[in-house]
PDB file of N, CA and C in Angstrom:
ATOM      1  N   UNK A   1     -14.114  -7.605 -26.371  1.00  0.00           N
ATOM      2  CA  UNK A   1     -15.026  -6.737 -25.604  1.00  0.00           C
ATOM      3  C   UNK A   1     -15.371  -7.394 -24.257  1.00  0.00           C
ATOM      4  N   UNK A   2     -15.845  -8.638 -24.335  1.00  0.00           N
ATOM      5  CA  UNK A   2     -16.264  -9.304 -23.099  1.00  0.00           C
ATOM      6  C   UNK A   2     -15.122  -9.441 -22.107  1.00  0.00           C
ATOM      7  N   UNK A   3     -13.934  -9.839 -22.621  1.00  0.00           N
ATOM      8  CA  UNK A   3     -12.785 -10.008 -21.735  1.00  0.00           C
ATOM      9  C   UNK A   3     -12.410  -8.705 -21.047  1.00  0.00           C
ATOM     10  N   UNK A   4     -12.540  -7.597 -21.779  1.00  0.00           N
ATOM     11  CA  UNK A   4     -12.208  -6.280 -21.217  1.00  0.00           C
ATOM     12  C   UNK A   4     -13.121  -5.974 -20.039  1.00  0.00           C
ATOM     13  N   UNK A   5     -14.424  -6.189 -20.236  1.00  0.00           N
ATOM     14  CA  UNK A   5     -15.388  -5.926 -19.163  1.00  0.00           C
ATOM     15  C   UNK A   5     -15.134  -6.861 -17.987  1.00  0.00           C
ATOM     16  N   UNK A   6     -14.830  -8.127 -18.291  1.00  0.00           N
ATOM     17  CA  UNK A   6     -14.567  -9.090 -17.217  1.00  0.00           C
ATOM     18  C   UNK A   6     -13.371  -8.655 -16.383  1.00  0.00           C
ATOM     19  N   UNK A   7     -12.332  -8.145 -17.043  1.00  0.00           N
ATOM     20  CA  UNK A   7     -11.142  -7.692 -16.311  1.00  0.00           C
ATOM     21  C   UNK A   7     -11.489  -6.551 -15.365  1.00  0.00           C
ATOM     22  N   UNK A   8     -12.315  -5.620 -15.836  1.00  0.00           N
ATOM     23  CA  UNK A   8     -12.724  -4.494 -14.983  1.00  0.00           C
ATOM     24  C   UNK A   8     -13.511  -5.015 -13.780  1.00  0.00           C
ATOM     25  N   UNK A   9     -14.463  -5.920 -14.041  1.00  0.00           N
ATOM     26  CA  UNK A   9     -15.275  -6.468 -12.953  1.00  0.00           C
ATOM     27  C   UNK A   9     -14.400  -7.220 -11.959  1.00  0.00           C
ATOM     28  N   UNK A  10     -13.439  -7.987 -12.472  1.00  0.00           N
ATOM     29  CA  UNK A  10     -12.557  -8.751 -11.587  1.00  0.00           C
ATOM     30  C   UNK A  10     -11.732  -7.826 -10.704  1.00  0.00           C
ATOM     31  N   UNK A  11     -11.208  -6.747 -11.272  1.00  0.00           N
ATOM     32  CA  UNK A  11     -10.388  -5.825 -10.475  1.00  0.00           C
ATOM     33  C   UNK A  11     -11.239  -5.167  -9.390  1.00  0.00           C
ATOM     34  N   UNK A  12     -12.489  -4.821  -9.744  1.00  0.00           N
ATOM     35  CA  UNK A  12     -13.382  -4.233  -8.744  1.00  0.00           C
ATOM     36  C   UNK A  12     -13.679  -5.252  -7.649  1.00  0.00           C
ATOM     37  N   UNK A  13     -13.904  -6.508  -8.045  1.00  0.00           N
ATOM     38  CA  UNK A  13     -14.187  -7.557  -7.066  1.00  0.00           C
ATOM     39  C   UNK A  13     -13.019  -7.740  -6.113  1.00  0.00           C
ATOM     40  N   UNK A  14     -11.799  -7.719  -6.648  1.00  0.00           N
ATOM     41  CA  UNK A  14     -10.620  -7.891  -5.797  1.00  0.00           C
ATOM     42  C   UNK A  14     -10.502  -6.750  -4.795  1.00  0.00           C
ATOM     43  N   UNK A  15     -10.762  -5.518  -5.245  1.00  0.00           N
ATOM     44  CA  UNK A  15     -10.721  -4.370  -4.328  1.00  0.00           C
ATOM     45  C   UNK A  15     -11.788  -4.535  -3.250  1.00  0.00           C
ATOM     46  N   UNK A  16     -12.987  -4.986  -3.666  1.00  0.00           N
ATOM     47  CA  UNK A  16     -14.095  -5.170  -2.731  1.00  0.00           C
ATOM     48  C   UNK A  16     -13.741  -6.227  -1.693  1.00  0.00           C
ATOM     49  N   UNK A  17     -13.095  -7.317  -2.153  1.00  0.00           N
ATOM     50  CA  UNK A  17     -12.688  -8.375  -1.224  1.00  0.00           C
ATOM     51  C   UNK A  17     -11.709  -7.830  -0.192  1.00  0.00           C
ATOM     52  N   UNK A  18     -10.747  -7.018  -0.648  1.00  0.00           N
ATOM     53  CA  UNK A  18      -9.755  -6.463   0.281  1.00  0.00           C
ATOM     54  C   UNK A  18     -10.433  -5.590   1.328  1.00  0.00           C
ATOM     55  N   UNK A  19     -11.386  -4.751   0.888  1.00  0.00           N
ATOM     56  CA  UNK A  19     -12.114  -3.886   1.818  1.00  0.00           C
ATOM     57  C   UNK A  19     -12.905  -4.742   2.804  1.00  0.00           C
ATOM     58  N   UNK A  20     -13.567  -5.784   2.280  1.00  0.00           N
ATOM     59  CA  UNK A  20     -14.340  -6.674   3.150  1.00  0.00           C
ATOM     60  C   UNK A  20     -13.435  -7.336   4.177  1.00  0.00           C
ATOM     61  N   UNK A  21     -12.262  -7.798   3.757  1.00  0.00           N
ATOM     62  CA  UNK A  21     -11.329  -8.449   4.676  1.00  0.00           C
ATOM     63  C   UNK A  21     -10.890  -7.485   5.771  1.00  0.00           C
ATOM     64  N   UNK A  22     -10.631  -6.234   5.399  1.00  0.00           N
ATOM     65  CA  UNK A  22     -10.232  -5.237   6.401  1.00  0.00           C
ATOM     66  C   UNK A  22     -11.359  -5.009   7.400  1.00  0.00           C
ATOM     67  N   UNK A  23     -12.589  -4.880   6.881  1.00  0.00           N
ATOM     68  CA  UNK A  23     -13.737  -4.634   7.755  1.00  0.00           C
ATOM     69  C   UNK A  23     -13.954  -5.806   8.702  1.00  0.00           C
ATOM     70  N   UNK A  24     -13.883  -7.036   8.166  1.00  0.00           N
ATOM     71  CA  UNK A  24     -14.127  -8.205   9.015  1.00  0.00           C
ATOM     72  C   UNK A  24     -13.042  -8.340  10.074  1.00  0.00           C
ATOM     73  N   UNK A  25     -11.796  -8.064   9.716  1.00  0.00           N
ATOM     74  CA  UNK A  25     -10.710  -8.170  10.695  1.00  0.00           C
ATOM     75  C   UNK A  25     -10.888  -7.129  11.795  1.00  0.00           C
ATOM     76  N   UNK A  26     -11.356  -5.934  11.421  1.00  0.00           N
ATOM     77  CA  UNK A  26     -11.618  -4.897  12.429  1.00  0.00           C
ATOM     78  C   UNK A  26     -12.714  -5.372  13.377  1.00  0.00           C
ATOM     79  N   UNK A  27     -13.768  -5.979  12.807  1.00  0.00           N
ATOM     80  CA  UNK A  27     -14.893  -6.431  13.629  1.00  0.00           C
ATOM     81  C   UNK A  27     -14.473  -7.588  14.522  1.00  0.00           C
ATOM     82  N   UNK A  28     -13.555  -8.435  14.018  1.00  0.00           N
ATOM     83  CA  UNK A  28     -13.101  -9.568  14.830  1.00  0.00           C
ATOM     84  C   UNK A  28     -12.312  -9.071  16.030  1.00  0.00           C
ATOM     85  N   UNK A  29     -11.555  -7.995  15.852  1.00  0.00           N
ATOM     86  CA  UNK A  29     -10.780  -7.443  16.958  1.00  0.00           C
ATOM     87  C   UNK A  29     -11.709  -6.827  18.002  1.00  0.00           C
ATOM     88  N   UNK A  30     -12.785  -6.201  17.540  1.00  0.00           N
ATOM     89  CA  UNK A  30     -13.749  -5.616  18.468  1.00  0.00           C
ATOM     90  C   UNK A  30     -15.154  -6.064  18.058  1.00  0.00           C
ATOM     91  N   UNK A  31     -15.535  -7.312  18.425  1.00  0.00           N
ATOM     92  CA  UNK A  31     -16.810  -7.884  17.993  1.00  0.00           C
ATOM     93  C   UNK A  31     -18.004  -7.191  18.638  1.00  0.00           C
ATOM     94  N   UNK A  32     -18.568  -6.223  17.918  1.00  0.00           N
ATOM     95  CA  UNK A  32     -19.751  -5.514  18.401  1.00  0.00           C
ATOM     96  C   UNK A  32     -20.862  -5.690  17.378  1.00  0.00           C
ATOM     97  N   UNK A  33     -21.697  -6.713  17.581  1.00  0.00           N
ATOM     98  CA  UNK A  33     -22.777  -6.967  16.625  1.00  0.00           C
ATOM     99  C   UNK A  33     -24.104  -6.555  17.263  1.00  0.00           C
ATOM    100  N   UNK A  34     -24.776  -5.564  16.683  1.00  0.00           N
ATOM    101  CA  UNK A  34     -26.077  -5.133  17.206  1.00  0.00           C
ATOM    102  C   UNK A  34     -27.097  -6.266  17.120  1.00  0.00           C
ATOM    103  N   UNK A  35     -28.054  -6.290  18.051  1.00  0.00           N
ATOM    104  CA  UNK A  35     -29.070  -7.341  18.052  1.00  0.00           C
ATOM    105  C   UNK A  35     -29.895  -7.311  16.778  1.00  0.00           C
ATOM    106  N   UNK A  36     -30.134  -6.114  16.252  1.00  0.00           N
ATOM    107  CA  UNK A  36     -30.944  -5.993  15.037  1.00  0.00           C
ATOM    108  C   UNK A  36     -30.262  -6.676  13.855  1.00  0.00           C
ATOM    109  N   UNK A  37     -28.922  -6.675  13.841  1.00  0.00           N
ATOM    110  CA  UNK A  37     -28.193  -7.297  12.742  1.00  0.00           C
ATOM    111  C   UNK A  37     -28.204  -8.821  12.887  1.00  0.00           C
ATOM    112  N   UNK A  38     -27.955  -9.326  14.092  1.00  0.00           N
ATOM    113  CA  UNK A  38     -27.814 -10.768  14.296  1.00  0.00           C
ATOM    114  C   UNK A  38     -29.164 -11.483  14.235  1.00  0.00           C
ATOM    115  N   UNK A  39     -30.254 -10.785  14.538  1.00  0.00           N
ATOM    116  CA  UNK A  39     -31.572 -11.427  14.555  1.00  0.00           C
ATOM    117  C   UNK A  39     -32.075 -11.716  13.147  1.00  0.00           C
ATOM    118  N   UNK A  40     -31.543 -10.961  12.135  1.00  0.00           N
ATOM    119  CA  UNK A  40     -32.034 -11.161  10.767  1.00  0.00           C
ATOM    120  C   UNK A  40     -31.445 -12.427  10.153  1.00  0.00           C
TER     121      UNK A  40
END
C-alpha cells in the first residue's frame, strides 16, 4: 500500500519538477521579476 502511494507521489513530483524547470528557463530567458515578488 505505502509503496503504491509513494510511486504516485513520486510521479507527480517528477511532473512538477519538469513544469518548474520549464517555467524557470522561460523566466531566465526573459527575467521580469516584479518588485512585490523580490521584496518578500
